[in-house]
PDB file of N, CA and C in Angstrom:
ATOM      1  N   MET A   1       1.058  -1.084   0.093  1.00  0.00           N
ATOM      2  CA  MET A   1       0.001   0.110   0.013  1.00  0.00           C
ATOM      3  C   MET A   1       0.848   1.175   0.039  1.00  0.00           C
ATOM      4  N   ARG A   2       0.370   2.451  -0.692  1.00  0.00           N
ATOM      5  CA  ARG A   2       1.170   3.528  -0.688  1.00  0.00           C
ATOM      6  C   ARG A   2       0.932   4.397   0.596  1.00  0.00           C
ATOM      7  N   LEU A   3       1.805   5.025   1.092  1.00  0.00           N
ATOM      8  CA  LEU A   3       1.839   5.886   2.307  1.00  0.00           C
ATOM      9  C   LEU A   3       0.685   6.847   2.367  1.00  0.00           C
ATOM     10  N   GLY A   4       0.374   7.516   1.324  1.00  0.00           N
ATOM     11  CA  GLY A   4      -1.009   8.453   1.289  1.00  0.00           C
ATOM     12  C   GLY A   4      -2.067   7.759   1.526  1.00  0.00           C
ATOM     13  N   ASP A   5      -2.216   6.544   0.815  1.00  0.00           N
ATOM     14  CA  ASP A   5      -3.423   5.807   0.860  1.00  0.00           C
ATOM     15  C   ASP A   5      -3.651   5.095   2.157  1.00  0.00           C
ATOM     16  N   LEU A   6      -2.400   4.870   3.028  1.00  0.00           N
ATOM     17  CA  LEU A   6      -2.534   4.264   4.405  1.00  0.00           C
ATOM     18  C   LEU A   6      -3.110   5.132   5.209  1.00  0.00           C
ATOM     19  N   LEU A   7      -2.625   6.314   5.247  1.00  0.00           N
ATOM     20  CA  LEU A   7      -3.072   7.395   6.080  1.00  0.00           C
ATOM     21  C   LEU A   7      -4.529   7.609   5.933  1.00  0.00           C
ATOM     22  N   LYS A   8      -5.014   7.579   4.644  1.00  0.00           N
ATOM     23  CA  LYS A   8      -6.415   7.839   4.452  1.00  0.00           C
ATOM     24  C   LYS A   8      -7.300   6.484   5.080  1.00  0.00           C
ATOM     25  N   ALA A   9      -6.607   5.353   4.834  1.00  0.00           N
ATOM     26  CA  ALA A   9      -7.425   4.191   5.059  1.00  0.00           C
ATOM     27  C   ALA A   9      -7.517   3.914   6.515  1.00  0.00           C
ATOM     28  N   ALA A  10      -6.416   4.556   7.325  1.00  0.00           N
ATOM     29  CA  ALA A  10      -6.316   4.366   8.815  1.00  0.00           C
ATOM     30  C   ALA A  10      -7.339   5.362   9.538  1.00  0.00           C
ATOM     31  N   GLY A  11      -7.832   6.278   8.641  1.00  0.00           N
ATOM     32  CA  GLY A  11      -8.753   7.406   9.261  1.00  0.00           C
ATOM     33  C   GLY A  11      -7.844   8.696   9.778  1.00  0.00           C
ATOM     34  N   VAL A  12      -6.464   8.573   9.561  1.00  0.00           N
ATOM     35  CA  VAL A  12      -5.827   9.646  10.199  1.00  0.00           C
ATOM     36  C   VAL A  12      -6.052  10.928   9.640  1.00  0.00           C
ATOM     37  N   LEU A  13      -6.069  11.020   8.176  1.00  0.00           N
ATOM     38  CA  LEU A  13      -6.451  11.930   7.324  1.00  0.00           C
ATOM     39  C   LEU A  13      -7.657  11.733   6.329  1.00  0.00           C
ATOM     40  N   GLN A  14      -8.450  12.818   6.028  1.00  0.00           N
ATOM     41  CA  GLN A  14      -9.414  12.663   5.287  1.00  0.00           C
ATOM     42  C   GLN A  14      -9.335  12.633   3.883  1.00  0.00           C
ATOM     43  N   THR A  15      -8.363  13.303   3.189  1.00  0.00           N
ATOM     44  CA  THR A  15      -8.189  13.305   1.615  1.00  0.00           C
ATOM     45  C   THR A  15      -6.540  12.980   1.357  1.00  0.00           C
ATOM     46  N   GLY A  16      -6.532  12.711   0.107  1.00  0.00           N
ATOM     47  CA  GLY A  16      -5.301  12.527  -0.528  1.00  0.00           C
ATOM     48  C   GLY A  16      -4.488  13.790  -0.643  1.00  0.00           C
ATOM     49  N   GLY A  17      -5.272  15.116  -0.596  1.00  0.00           N
ATOM     50  CA  GLY A  17      -4.442  16.329  -0.618  1.00  0.00           C
ATOM     51  C   GLY A  17      -3.749  16.598   0.802  1.00  0.00           C
ATOM     52  N   GLU A  18      -4.568  16.260   1.797  1.00  0.00           N
ATOM     53  CA  GLU A  18      -4.072  16.314   3.033  1.00  0.00           C
ATOM     54  C   GLU A  18      -2.922  15.639   3.272  1.00  0.00           C
ATOM     55  N   ALA A  19      -2.952  14.272   2.799  1.00  0.00           N
ATOM     56  CA  ALA A  19      -1.804  13.238   3.049  1.00  0.00           C
ATOM     57  C   ALA A  19      -0.830  13.913   2.347  1.00  0.00           C
ATOM     58  N   LYS A  20      -0.807  14.415   1.039  1.00  0.00           N
ATOM     59  CA  LYS A  20       0.451  14.808   0.316  1.00  0.00           C
ATOM     60  C   LYS A  20       0.933  16.142   1.159  1.00  0.00           C
ATOM     61  N   GLN A  21       0.093  16.966   1.614  1.00  0.00           N
ATOM     62  CA  GLN A  21       0.858  18.163   2.396  1.00  0.00           C
ATOM     63  C   GLN A  21       1.604  17.751   3.509  1.00  0.00           C
ATOM     64  N   VAL A  22       1.069  16.718   4.199  1.00  0.00           N
ATOM     65  CA  VAL A  22       1.855  16.523   5.818  1.00  0.00           C
ATOM     66  C   VAL A  22       3.071  15.493   5.186  1.00  0.00           C
ATOM     67  N   ILE A  23       2.851  14.713   4.202  1.00  0.00           N
ATOM     68  CA  ILE A  23       4.127  13.895   3.920  1.00  0.00           C
ATOM     69  C   ILE A  23       5.261  14.557   3.475  1.00  0.00           C
ATOM     70  N   GLN A  24       4.749  15.673   2.513  1.00  0.00           N
ATOM     71  CA  GLN A  24       5.917  16.506   1.863  1.00  0.00           C
ATOM     72  C   GLN A  24       6.413  17.504   2.956  1.00  0.00           C
ATOM     73  N   ALA A  25       5.675  17.802   3.943  1.00  0.00           N
ATOM     74  CA  ALA A  25       6.171  18.763   4.907  1.00  0.00           C
ATOM     75  C   ALA A  25       7.168  17.871   5.801  1.00  0.00           C
ATOM     76  N   GLY A  26       7.211  16.740   5.737  1.00  0.00           N
ATOM     77  CA  GLY A  26       8.179  15.950   6.590  1.00  0.00           C
ATOM     78  C   GLY A  26       7.457  15.515   7.888  1.00  0.00           C
ATOM     79  N   GLU A  27       6.265  15.552   8.039  1.00  0.00           N
ATOM     80  CA  GLU A  27       5.587  15.136   9.212  1.00  0.00           C
ATOM     81  C   GLU A  27       5.356  13.619   9.428  1.00  0.00           C
ATOM     82  N   VAL A  28       5.521  12.911   8.580  1.00  0.00           N
ATOM     83  CA  VAL A  28       5.238  11.447   8.520  1.00  0.00           C
ATOM     84  C   VAL A  28       6.598  10.623   8.701  1.00  0.00           C
ATOM     85  N   LYS A  29       6.541   9.751   9.592  1.00  0.00           N
ATOM     86  CA  LYS A  29       7.651   8.716   9.783  1.00  0.00           C
ATOM     87  C   LYS A  29       7.264   7.393   9.462  1.00  0.00           C
ATOM     88  N   VAL A  30       8.276   6.495   8.791  1.00  0.00           N
ATOM     89  CA  VAL A  30       8.157   5.119   8.685  1.00  0.00           C
ATOM     90  C   VAL A  30       9.225   4.523   9.282  1.00  0.00           C
ATOM     91  N   ASP A  31       9.026   3.725  10.162  1.00  0.00           N
ATOM     92  CA  ASP A  31      10.093   2.939  11.008  1.00  0.00           C
ATOM     93  C   ASP A  31      11.131   3.920  11.637  1.00  0.00           C
ATOM     94  N   GLY A  32      10.359   5.120  11.985  1.00  0.00           N
ATOM     95  CA  GLY A  32      11.345   6.157  12.577  1.00  0.00           C
ATOM     96  C   GLY A  32      12.093   7.243  11.924  1.00  0.00           C
ATOM     97  N   ALA A  33      12.158   6.734  10.384  1.00  0.00           N
ATOM     98  CA  ALA A  33      12.602   7.867   9.525  1.00  0.00           C
ATOM     99  C   ALA A  33      11.641   8.560   8.773  1.00  0.00           C
ATOM    100  N   VAL A  34      11.941   9.725   8.631  1.00  0.00           N
ATOM    101  CA  VAL A  34      11.026  10.830   7.782  1.00  0.00           C
ATOM    102  C   VAL A  34      11.011  10.500   6.500  1.00  0.00           C
ATOM    103  N   ARG A  35       9.662  10.274   5.834  1.00  0.00           N
ATOM    104  CA  ARG A  35       9.534   9.825   4.524  1.00  0.00           C
ATOM    105  C   ARG A  35       8.652  11.109   3.660  1.00  0.00           C
ATOM    106  N   THR A  36       9.106  11.482   2.786  1.00  0.00           N
ATOM    107  CA  THR A  36       8.533  12.486   2.030  1.00  0.00           C
ATOM    108  C   THR A  36       7.767  12.169   0.581  1.00  0.00           C
ATOM    109  N   GLU A  37       7.788  11.011   0.253  1.00  0.00           N
ATOM    110  CA  GLU A  37       7.274  10.423  -0.950  1.00  0.00           C
ATOM    111  C   GLU A  37       5.921   9.912  -0.585  1.00  0.00           C
ATOM    112  N   ARG A  38       4.901  10.506  -1.108  1.00  0.00           N
ATOM    113  CA  ARG A  38       3.565  10.122  -1.020  1.00  0.00           C
ATOM    114  C   ARG A  38       3.229   8.759  -1.510  1.00  0.00           C
ATOM    115  N   GLY A  39       3.891   8.260  -2.489  1.00  0.00           N
ATOM    116  CA  GLY A  39       3.862   6.972  -3.263  1.00  0.00           C
ATOM    117  C   GLY A  39       4.649   5.773  -2.556  1.00  0.00           C
ATOM    118  N   ALA A  40       5.414   6.273  -1.468  1.00  0.00           N
ATOM    119  CA  ALA A  40       6.304   5.239  -0.945  1.00  0.00           C
ATOM    120  C   ALA A  40       5.528   3.897  -0.538  1.00  0.00           C
ATOM    121  N   LYS A  41       6.220   2.755  -0.824  1.00  0.00           N
ATOM    122  CA  LYS A  41       5.478   1.702  -0.668  1.00  0.00           C
ATOM    123  C   LYS A  41       5.514   1.142   0.826  1.00  0.00           C
ATOM    124  N   ILE A  42       4.465   0.872   1.383  1.00  0.00           N
ATOM    125  CA  ILE A  42       4.487   0.524   2.931  1.00  0.00           C
ATOM    126  C   ILE A  42       4.098  -1.000   2.872  1.00  0.00           C
ATOM    127  N   ARG A  43       4.920  -1.826   3.734  1.00  0.00           N
ATOM    128  CA  ARG A  43       4.714  -3.276   3.981  1.00  0.00           C
ATOM    129  C   ARG A  43       4.561  -3.658   5.188  1.00  0.00           C
ATOM    130  N   ALA A  44       4.003  -4.731   5.232  1.00  0.00           N
ATOM    131  CA  ALA A  44       3.631  -5.388   6.554  1.00  0.00           C
ATOM    132  C   ALA A  44       4.891  -5.395   7.544  1.00  0.00           C
ATOM    133  N   GLY A  45       4.646  -5.125   8.873  1.00  0.00           N
ATOM    134  CA  GLY A  45       5.623  -4.925   9.653  1.00  0.00           C
ATOM    135  C   GLY A  45       6.166  -3.620   9.899  1.00  0.00           C
ATOM    136  N   GLN A  46       6.015  -2.736   9.139  1.00  0.00           N
ATOM    137  CA  GLN A  46       6.401  -1.415   9.196  1.00  0.00           C
ATOM    138  C   GLN A  46       5.349  -0.645  10.260  1.00  0.00           C
ATOM    139  N   ILE A  47       6.142   0.317  10.951  1.00  0.00           N
ATOM    140  CA  ILE A  47       5.368   1.302  11.686  1.00  0.00           C
ATOM    141  C   ILE A  47       5.331   2.705  11.204  1.00  0.00           C
ATOM    142  N   VAL A  48       4.237   3.258  10.796  1.00  0.00           N
ATOM    143  CA  VAL A  48       3.986   4.641  10.443  1.00  0.00           C
ATOM    144  C   VAL A  48       3.447   5.633  11.536  1.00  0.00           C
ATOM    145  N   THR A  49       4.133   6.711  11.733  1.00  0.00           N
ATOM    146  CA  THR A  49       3.887   7.605  12.750  1.00  0.00           C
ATOM    147  C   THR A  49       3.684   8.866  12.357  1.00  0.00           C
ATOM    148  N   TYR A  50       2.313   9.386  12.588  1.00  0.00           N
ATOM    149  CA  TYR A  50       2.107  10.802  12.312  1.00  0.00           C
ATOM    150  C   TYR A  50       1.167  11.427  13.428  1.00  0.00           C
ATOM    151  N   ALA A  51       1.429  12.740  13.930  1.00  0.00           N
ATOM    152  CA  ALA A  51       0.814  13.362  14.930  1.00  0.00           C
ATOM    153  C   ALA A  51       0.637  12.677  16.312  1.00  0.00           C
ATOM    154  N   GLY A  52       1.623  11.918  16.528  1.00  0.00           N
ATOM    155  CA  GLY A  52       1.536  11.168  17.656  1.00  0.00           C
ATOM    156  C   GLY A  52       0.853   9.862  17.741  1.00  0.00           C
ATOM    157  N   LYS A  53       0.326   9.657  16.500  1.00  0.00           N
ATOM    158  CA  LYS A  53      -0.302   8.271  16.473  1.00  0.00           C
ATOM    159  C   LYS A  53       0.700   7.275  15.610  1.00  0.00           C
ATOM    160  N   GLU A  54       0.485   6.210  16.161  1.00  0.00           N
ATOM    161  CA  GLU A  54       1.255   5.055  15.456  1.00  0.00           C
ATOM    162  C   GLU A  54       0.357   4.005  14.685  1.00  0.00           C
ATOM    163  N   ILE A  55       0.783   3.873  13.545  1.00  0.00           N
ATOM    164  CA  ILE A  55      -0.290   2.674  12.633  1.00  0.00           C
ATOM    165  C   ILE A  55       0.833   1.613  12.276  1.00  0.00           C
ATOM    166  N   GLN A  56       0.466   0.480  12.957  1.00  0.00           N
ATOM    167  CA  GLN A  56       1.232  -0.806  12.804  1.00  0.00           C
ATOM    168  C   GLN A  56       0.503  -1.445  11.581  1.00  0.00           C
ATOM    169  N   VAL A  57       1.466  -1.930  10.718  1.00  0.00           N
ATOM    170  CA  VAL A  57       0.995  -2.393   9.337  1.00  0.00           C
ATOM    171  C   VAL A  57       0.923  -3.753   9.232  1.00  0.00           C
ATOM    172  N   GLU A  58      -0.080  -4.444   9.293  1.00  0.00           N
ATOM    173  CA  GLU A  58      -0.369  -5.991   9.056  1.00  0.00           C
ATOM    174  C   GLU A  58      -0.517  -6.464   7.901  1.00  0.00           C
ATOM    175  N   ALA A  59      -0.209  -7.742   7.633  1.00  0.00           N
ATOM    176  CA  ALA A  59      -0.326  -8.356   6.372  1.00  0.00           C
ATOM    177  C   ALA A  59      -1.857  -8.876   6.296  1.00  0.00           C
ATOM    178  N   LYS A  60      -2.351  -9.085   5.004  1.00  0.00           N
ATOM    179  CA  LYS A  60      -3.684  -9.362   4.866  1.00  0.00           C
ATOM    180  C   LYS A  60      -3.748 -10.842   5.207  1.00  0.00           C
ATOM    181  N   ALA A  61      -4.849 -11.404   5.817  1.00  0.00           N
ATOM    182  CA  ALA A  61      -5.183 -12.670   6.093  1.00  0.00           C
ATOM    183  C   ALA A  61      -5.559 -13.635   5.010  1.00  0.00           C
TER     184      ALA A  61
END
């Protein structure tokens, strides 16, 4: 899943435009490192952090 899509699916942000803004502003971390690419691929086992919230990415069953 792409980083911007994950933030929307998790309910952290409402729109793709919001996701683009916060990601490009360097406000989102993946496994503790800032990611500024909205299309960055996020895989199972990774942890995405934004605004003090952590999203643990799990594999589909």
